[in-house]
Amino acid sequence: MLQPPHQPLGVAAVPSQRSPAREDQAGPWHSEAVCRRDEAGLFFAPSKEPTAARLSREEAAKRVCARCPVMVECREHALVQPEPYGVWGGLTAAERRVVLARRRRREIELRQAASASRIAAAG
């Protein structure tokens, strides 16, 4: 299971019609999402939101995510899409960018290690 970074990071504004659990998206996990019962505004920043208000709203959204039975599926969806805005699976957009960067670095390191092993075995 992925863990969010210790420091909360920023999120950009998004039109209010987007929500973490839209019915038109594929995947059975959407029907079990706790956020379906919450205000979409909790998960997405309004225009020109003050920093203190944003941090408070994001923490409230993360508390909703923490009790969600499909948090991991939601998070993976947001990482694979990638969803550019809002709190998905307990992570802000900036936190998801960090996770994706770490995954890319890990994949590169694994490929380099596999290549070095093949070279050492051949030579």
N, C-alpha and C. Protein backbone atom coordinates (compact mmCIF):
# COMPACT_ATOMS: atom_id res chain seq x y z
N MET A 1 0.84 -1.18 0.00
CA MET A 1 0.00 0.00 0.00
C MET A 1 0.88 1.24 0.00
N LEU A 2 0.54 2.20 -0.81
CA LEU A 2 1.30 3.43 -0.90
C LEU A 2 0.97 4.32 0.28
N GLN A 3 1.95 5.06 0.74
CA GLN A 3 1.75 6.00 1.83
C GLN A 3 1.98 7.41 1.30
N PRO A 4 1.13 8.38 1.70
CA PRO A 4 1.34 9.75 1.24
C PRO A 4 2.58 10.35 1.86
N PRO A 5 3.19 11.33 1.20
CA PRO A 5 4.32 12.02 1.79
C PRO A 5 3.91 12.71 3.08
N HIS A 6 4.88 13.02 3.93
CA HIS A 6 4.58 13.64 5.21
C HIS A 6 4.13 15.08 5.07
N GLN A 7 4.60 15.79 4.07
CA GLN A 7 4.24 17.18 3.89
C GLN A 7 3.12 17.30 2.87
N PRO A 8 2.01 17.97 3.21
CA PRO A 8 0.96 18.17 2.20
C PRO A 8 1.47 19.11 1.11
N LEU A 9 1.05 18.85 -0.11
CA LEU A 9 1.48 19.65 -1.25
C LEU A 9 0.26 20.29 -1.89
N GLY A 10 0.48 21.28 -2.76
CA GLY A 10 -0.61 22.05 -3.36
C GLY A 10 -1.40 21.30 -4.41
N VAL A 11 -2.54 21.90 -4.78
CA VAL A 11 -3.41 21.35 -5.81
C VAL A 11 -3.96 22.51 -6.63
N ALA A 12 -4.10 22.31 -7.91
CA ALA A 12 -4.61 23.37 -8.77
C ALA A 12 -6.14 23.34 -8.83
N ALA A 13 -6.71 24.42 -9.30
CA ALA A 13 -8.17 24.51 -9.41
C ALA A 13 -8.66 23.66 -10.57
N VAL A 14 -9.91 23.21 -10.48
CA VAL A 14 -10.53 22.39 -11.51
C VAL A 14 -12.00 22.74 -11.57
N PRO A 15 -12.62 22.62 -12.72
CA PRO A 15 -14.05 22.89 -12.79
C PRO A 15 -14.83 22.00 -11.83
N SER A 16 -15.90 22.53 -11.27
CA SER A 16 -16.62 21.83 -10.22
C SER A 16 -17.36 20.59 -10.68
N GLN A 17 -17.55 20.36 -11.98
CA GLN A 17 -18.29 19.18 -12.40
C GLN A 17 -17.49 17.88 -12.26
N ARG A 18 -16.18 17.95 -12.08
CA ARG A 18 -15.38 16.75 -11.89
C ARG A 18 -15.51 16.28 -10.47
N SER A 19 -15.62 14.98 -10.28
CA SER A 19 -15.64 14.42 -8.93
C SER A 19 -14.93 13.09 -8.93
N PRO A 20 -14.40 12.63 -7.78
CA PRO A 20 -13.62 11.41 -7.74
C PRO A 20 -14.40 10.15 -8.10
N ALA A 21 -15.71 10.17 -8.04
CA ALA A 21 -16.47 8.95 -8.28
C ALA A 21 -17.55 9.17 -9.32
N ARG A 22 -17.17 9.52 -10.53
CA ARG A 22 -18.14 9.73 -11.59
C ARG A 22 -18.68 8.39 -12.06
N GLU A 23 -19.97 8.33 -12.32
CA GLU A 23 -20.60 7.07 -12.74
C GLU A 23 -20.21 6.66 -14.15
N ASP A 24 -19.79 7.61 -15.00
CA ASP A 24 -19.46 7.26 -16.38
C ASP A 24 -18.09 6.63 -16.53
N GLN A 25 -17.32 6.52 -15.47
CA GLN A 25 -16.00 5.89 -15.54
C GLN A 25 -16.14 4.39 -15.31
N ALA A 26 -15.34 3.64 -16.02
CA ALA A 26 -15.38 2.19 -15.89
C ALA A 26 -14.80 1.75 -14.55
N GLY A 27 -15.25 0.62 -14.06
CA GLY A 27 -14.69 0.05 -12.84
C GLY A 27 -15.69 -0.07 -11.74
N PRO A 28 -15.84 -1.27 -11.20
CA PRO A 28 -16.83 -1.50 -10.14
C PRO A 28 -16.49 -0.80 -8.83
N TRP A 29 -15.26 -0.41 -8.63
CA TRP A 29 -14.89 0.22 -7.37
C TRP A 29 -15.62 1.54 -7.14
N HIS A 30 -16.04 2.21 -8.20
CA HIS A 30 -16.71 3.50 -8.06
C HIS A 30 -17.99 3.41 -7.22
N SER A 31 -18.70 2.33 -7.38
CA SER A 31 -19.98 2.22 -6.66
C SER A 31 -19.78 2.08 -5.15
N GLU A 32 -18.59 1.68 -4.72
CA GLU A 32 -18.30 1.50 -3.29
C GLU A 32 -17.60 2.70 -2.67
N ALA A 33 -17.27 3.71 -3.47
CA ALA A 33 -16.50 4.85 -2.97
C ALA A 33 -17.31 5.68 -1.96
N VAL A 34 -16.70 5.95 -0.83
CA VAL A 34 -17.34 6.75 0.22
C VAL A 34 -17.61 8.16 -0.29
N CYS A 35 -16.76 8.70 -1.15
CA CYS A 35 -16.89 10.07 -1.62
C CYS A 35 -18.15 10.28 -2.46
N ARG A 36 -18.80 9.22 -2.89
CA ARG A 36 -20.04 9.37 -3.65
C ARG A 36 -21.11 10.05 -2.79
N ARG A 37 -20.96 9.96 -1.48
CA ARG A 37 -21.95 10.55 -0.57
C ARG A 37 -21.52 11.93 -0.06
N ASP A 38 -20.35 12.39 -0.47
CA ASP A 38 -19.82 13.67 0.02
C ASP A 38 -19.88 14.74 -1.05
N GLU A 39 -19.74 15.95 -0.64
CA GLU A 39 -19.71 17.10 -1.53
C GLU A 39 -18.45 17.06 -2.39
N ALA A 40 -18.60 17.14 -3.71
CA ALA A 40 -17.45 17.11 -4.61
C ALA A 40 -16.49 18.26 -4.32
N GLY A 41 -17.00 19.37 -3.82
CA GLY A 41 -16.15 20.52 -3.51
C GLY A 41 -15.11 20.23 -2.46
N LEU A 42 -15.34 19.20 -1.67
CA LEU A 42 -14.36 18.81 -0.66
C LEU A 42 -13.09 18.26 -1.32
N PHE A 43 -13.23 17.66 -2.49
CA PHE A 43 -12.12 16.99 -3.15
C PHE A 43 -11.42 17.85 -4.21
N PHE A 44 -12.02 18.97 -4.58
CA PHE A 44 -11.45 19.83 -5.62
C PHE A 44 -11.43 21.27 -5.16
N ALA A 45 -10.36 21.98 -5.51
CA ALA A 45 -10.15 23.36 -5.07
C ALA A 45 -11.04 24.33 -5.83
N PRO A 46 -11.69 25.22 -5.11
CA PRO A 46 -12.38 26.31 -5.80
C PRO A 46 -11.35 27.31 -6.33
N SER A 47 -11.75 28.13 -7.22
CA SER A 47 -10.87 29.13 -7.79
C SER A 47 -10.34 30.08 -6.71
N LYS A 48 -9.06 30.37 -6.75
CA LYS A 48 -8.41 31.32 -5.84
C LYS A 48 -8.62 30.98 -4.36
N GLU A 49 -8.58 29.71 -4.02
CA GLU A 49 -8.74 29.28 -2.64
C GLU A 49 -7.51 29.67 -1.82
N PRO A 50 -7.69 30.31 -0.65
CA PRO A 50 -6.55 30.64 0.20
C PRO A 50 -5.83 29.37 0.68
N THR A 51 -4.55 29.46 0.89
CA THR A 51 -3.74 28.30 1.25
C THR A 51 -4.26 27.60 2.50
N ALA A 52 -4.57 28.33 3.55
CA ALA A 52 -5.06 27.71 4.78
C ALA A 52 -6.36 26.96 4.55
N ALA A 53 -7.25 27.53 3.75
CA ALA A 53 -8.52 26.87 3.44
C ALA A 53 -8.27 25.61 2.61
N ARG A 54 -7.34 25.69 1.66
CA ARG A 54 -7.02 24.53 0.82
C ARG A 54 -6.48 23.39 1.66
N LEU A 55 -5.53 23.70 2.53
CA LEU A 55 -4.94 22.66 3.38
C LEU A 55 -5.99 22.01 4.27
N SER A 56 -6.87 22.81 4.82
CA SER A 56 -7.94 22.30 5.67
C SER A 56 -8.89 21.41 4.88
N ARG A 57 -9.27 21.86 3.68
CA ARG A 57 -10.18 21.09 2.83
C ARG A 57 -9.52 19.77 2.40
N GLU A 58 -8.25 19.84 2.02
CA GLU A 58 -7.55 18.62 1.61
C GLU A 58 -7.47 17.61 2.75
N GLU A 59 -7.19 18.08 3.95
CA GLU A 59 -7.13 17.17 5.10
C GLU A 59 -8.50 16.54 5.36
N ALA A 60 -9.56 17.32 5.21
CA ALA A 60 -10.92 16.77 5.39
C ALA A 60 -11.20 15.72 4.31
N ALA A 61 -10.80 15.99 3.08
CA ALA A 61 -10.98 15.03 2.00
C ALA A 61 -10.19 13.75 2.28
N LYS A 62 -8.98 13.89 2.78
CA LYS A 62 -8.14 12.73 3.09
C LYS A 62 -8.76 11.89 4.21
N ARG A 63 -9.44 12.55 5.15
CA ARG A 63 -10.12 11.79 6.22
C ARG A 63 -11.25 10.95 5.63
N VAL A 64 -11.96 11.49 4.64
CA VAL A 64 -13.00 10.72 3.95
C VAL A 64 -12.34 9.53 3.25
N CYS A 65 -11.26 9.78 2.55
CA CYS A 65 -10.54 8.72 1.83
C CYS A 65 -10.05 7.63 2.79
N ALA A 66 -9.59 8.03 3.95
CA ALA A 66 -9.02 7.07 4.90
C ALA A 66 -10.03 6.03 5.35
N ARG A 67 -11.31 6.35 5.33
CA ARG A 67 -12.32 5.38 5.75
C ARG A 67 -12.98 4.67 4.56
N CYS A 68 -12.46 4.90 3.37
CA CYS A 68 -13.05 4.35 2.15
C CYS A 68 -12.53 2.95 1.87
N PRO A 69 -13.44 2.00 1.58
CA PRO A 69 -13.01 0.62 1.30
C PRO A 69 -12.30 0.46 -0.04
N VAL A 70 -12.41 1.44 -0.93
CA VAL A 70 -11.78 1.33 -2.25
C VAL A 70 -10.70 2.41 -2.47
N MET A 71 -10.10 2.86 -1.37
CA MET A 71 -9.09 3.91 -1.47
C MET A 71 -7.93 3.50 -2.38
N VAL A 72 -7.45 2.28 -2.26
CA VAL A 72 -6.30 1.85 -3.06
C VAL A 72 -6.66 1.83 -4.55
N GLU A 73 -7.84 1.34 -4.88
CA GLU A 73 -8.28 1.30 -6.28
C GLU A 73 -8.42 2.71 -6.84
N CYS A 74 -8.96 3.61 -6.04
CA CYS A 74 -9.13 5.01 -6.44
C CYS A 74 -7.77 5.65 -6.68
N ARG A 75 -6.84 5.41 -5.77
CA ARG A 75 -5.50 5.97 -5.90
C ARG A 75 -4.82 5.46 -7.17
N GLU A 76 -4.91 4.17 -7.40
CA GLU A 76 -4.28 3.61 -8.60
C GLU A 76 -4.92 4.17 -9.86
N HIS A 77 -6.23 4.34 -9.84
CA HIS A 77 -6.92 4.95 -10.98
C HIS A 77 -6.33 6.34 -11.25
N ALA A 78 -6.20 7.14 -10.20
CA ALA A 78 -5.69 8.50 -10.34
C ALA A 78 -4.24 8.52 -10.82
N LEU A 79 -3.46 7.52 -10.44
CA LEU A 79 -2.06 7.45 -10.87
C LEU A 79 -1.95 6.97 -12.31
N VAL A 80 -2.80 6.06 -12.72
CA VAL A 80 -2.74 5.51 -14.07
C VAL A 80 -3.31 6.49 -15.09
N GLN A 81 -4.36 7.26 -14.73
CA GLN A 81 -5.04 8.13 -15.69
C GLN A 81 -4.10 9.13 -16.36
N PRO A 82 -3.30 9.91 -15.79
CA PRO A 82 -3.26 10.40 -14.42
C PRO A 82 -4.26 11.54 -14.24
N GLU A 83 -4.89 11.57 -13.09
CA GLU A 83 -5.84 12.63 -12.75
C GLU A 83 -5.02 13.87 -12.33
N PRO A 84 -5.19 15.00 -13.00
CA PRO A 84 -4.35 16.16 -12.72
C PRO A 84 -4.79 17.03 -11.55
N TYR A 85 -6.01 16.84 -11.06
CA TYR A 85 -6.54 17.72 -10.02
C TYR A 85 -7.22 16.93 -8.91
N GLY A 86 -7.31 17.55 -7.76
CA GLY A 86 -8.13 17.03 -6.68
C GLY A 86 -7.46 15.98 -5.82
N VAL A 87 -8.20 15.58 -4.79
CA VAL A 87 -7.76 14.51 -3.89
C VAL A 87 -8.41 13.21 -4.37
N TRP A 88 -7.59 12.25 -4.68
CA TRP A 88 -8.03 10.92 -5.13
C TRP A 88 -7.26 9.90 -4.32
N GLY A 89 -7.93 8.94 -3.75
CA GLY A 89 -7.25 7.88 -3.02
C GLY A 89 -6.39 8.40 -1.88
N GLY A 90 -6.77 9.52 -1.30
CA GLY A 90 -6.03 10.07 -0.18
C GLY A 90 -4.80 10.87 -0.54
N LEU A 91 -4.60 11.15 -1.83
CA LEU A 91 -3.43 11.93 -2.27
C LEU A 91 -3.86 13.14 -3.07
N THR A 92 -3.18 14.24 -2.86
CA THR A 92 -3.40 15.43 -3.69
C THR A 92 -2.70 15.23 -5.03
N ALA A 93 -2.97 16.12 -5.97
CA ALA A 93 -2.33 16.03 -7.28
C ALA A 93 -0.80 16.10 -7.16
N ALA A 94 -0.30 16.98 -6.31
CA ALA A 94 1.15 17.11 -6.13
C ALA A 94 1.73 15.85 -5.49
N GLU A 95 1.03 15.26 -4.53
CA GLU A 95 1.51 14.02 -3.90
C GLU A 95 1.52 12.88 -4.91
N ARG A 96 0.53 12.87 -5.81
CA ARG A 96 0.52 11.83 -6.86
C ARG A 96 1.69 12.00 -7.81
N ARG A 97 2.05 13.26 -8.12
CA ARG A 97 3.21 13.49 -8.98
C ARG A 97 4.48 12.94 -8.34
N VAL A 98 4.61 13.09 -7.02
CA VAL A 98 5.77 12.56 -6.29
C VAL A 98 5.78 11.03 -6.39
N VAL A 99 4.64 10.40 -6.18
CA VAL A 99 4.55 8.94 -6.25
C VAL A 99 4.94 8.46 -7.65
N LEU A 100 4.42 9.12 -8.67
CA LEU A 100 4.74 8.74 -10.05
C LEU A 100 6.22 8.91 -10.35
N ALA A 101 6.82 9.98 -9.87
CA ALA A 101 8.26 10.19 -10.09
C ALA A 101 9.06 9.10 -9.40
N ARG A 102 8.67 8.72 -8.18
CA ARG A 102 9.37 7.65 -7.47
C ARG A 102 9.23 6.33 -8.22
N ARG A 103 8.04 6.05 -8.74
CA ARG A 103 7.83 4.82 -9.50
C ARG A 103 8.71 4.80 -10.75
N ARG A 104 8.78 5.93 -11.45
CA ARG A 104 9.62 5.98 -12.66
C ARG A 104 11.08 5.74 -12.31
N ARG A 105 11.57 6.38 -11.21
CA ARG A 105 12.96 6.17 -10.79
C ARG A 105 13.21 4.70 -10.44
N ARG A 106 12.27 4.09 -9.73
CA ARG A 106 12.41 2.69 -9.34
C ARG A 106 12.46 1.78 -10.56
N GLU A 107 11.60 2.05 -11.55
CA GLU A 107 11.61 1.25 -12.78
C GLU A 107 12.94 1.37 -13.52
N ILE A 108 13.48 2.57 -13.58
CA ILE A 108 14.77 2.79 -14.24
C ILE A 108 15.87 2.03 -13.50
N GLU A 109 15.87 2.12 -12.17
CA GLU A 109 16.88 1.42 -11.37
C GLU A 109 16.77 -0.10 -11.56
N LEU A 110 15.55 -0.62 -11.62
CA LEU A 110 15.38 -2.06 -11.82
C LEU A 110 15.87 -2.50 -13.20
N ARG A 111 15.57 -1.69 -14.22
CA ARG A 111 16.05 -2.01 -15.58
C ARG A 111 17.58 -1.98 -15.64
N GLN A 112 18.18 -0.97 -14.98
CA GLN A 112 19.64 -0.88 -14.97
C GLN A 112 20.26 -2.06 -14.23
N ALA A 113 19.66 -2.47 -13.13
CA ALA A 113 20.17 -3.61 -12.37
C ALA A 113 20.05 -4.89 -13.17
N ALA A 114 18.93 -5.07 -13.87
CA ALA A 114 18.74 -6.27 -14.70
C ALA A 114 19.75 -6.29 -15.83
N SER A 115 20.00 -5.15 -16.43
CA SER A 115 20.97 -5.05 -17.52
C SER A 115 22.37 -5.37 -17.01
N ALA A 116 22.73 -4.84 -15.84
CA ALA A 116 24.04 -5.11 -15.26
C ALA A 116 24.20 -6.60 -14.93
N SER A 117 23.13 -7.23 -14.46
CA SER A 117 23.18 -8.66 -14.16
C SER A 117 23.41 -9.49 -15.41
N ARG A 118 22.73 -9.11 -16.50
CA ARG A 118 22.90 -9.84 -17.78
C ARG A 118 24.33 -9.69 -18.29
N ILE A 119 24.87 -8.49 -18.15
CA ILE A 119 26.24 -8.25 -18.61
C ILE A 119 27.23 -9.04 -17.78
N ALA A 120 27.03 -9.05 -16.46
CA ALA A 120 27.93 -9.80 -15.56
C ALA A 120 27.84 -11.29 -15.82
N ALA A 121 26.65 -11.79 -16.09
CA ALA A 121 26.45 -13.23 -16.33
C ALA A 121 27.08 -13.63 -17.67
N ALA A 122 27.06 -12.75 -18.64
CA ALA A 122 27.59 -13.05 -19.97
C ALA A 122 29.11 -12.94 -20.01
N GLY A 123 29.65 -12.21 -19.10
CA GLY A 123 31.03 -11.87 -19.29
C GLY A 123 32.01 -12.31 -18.36
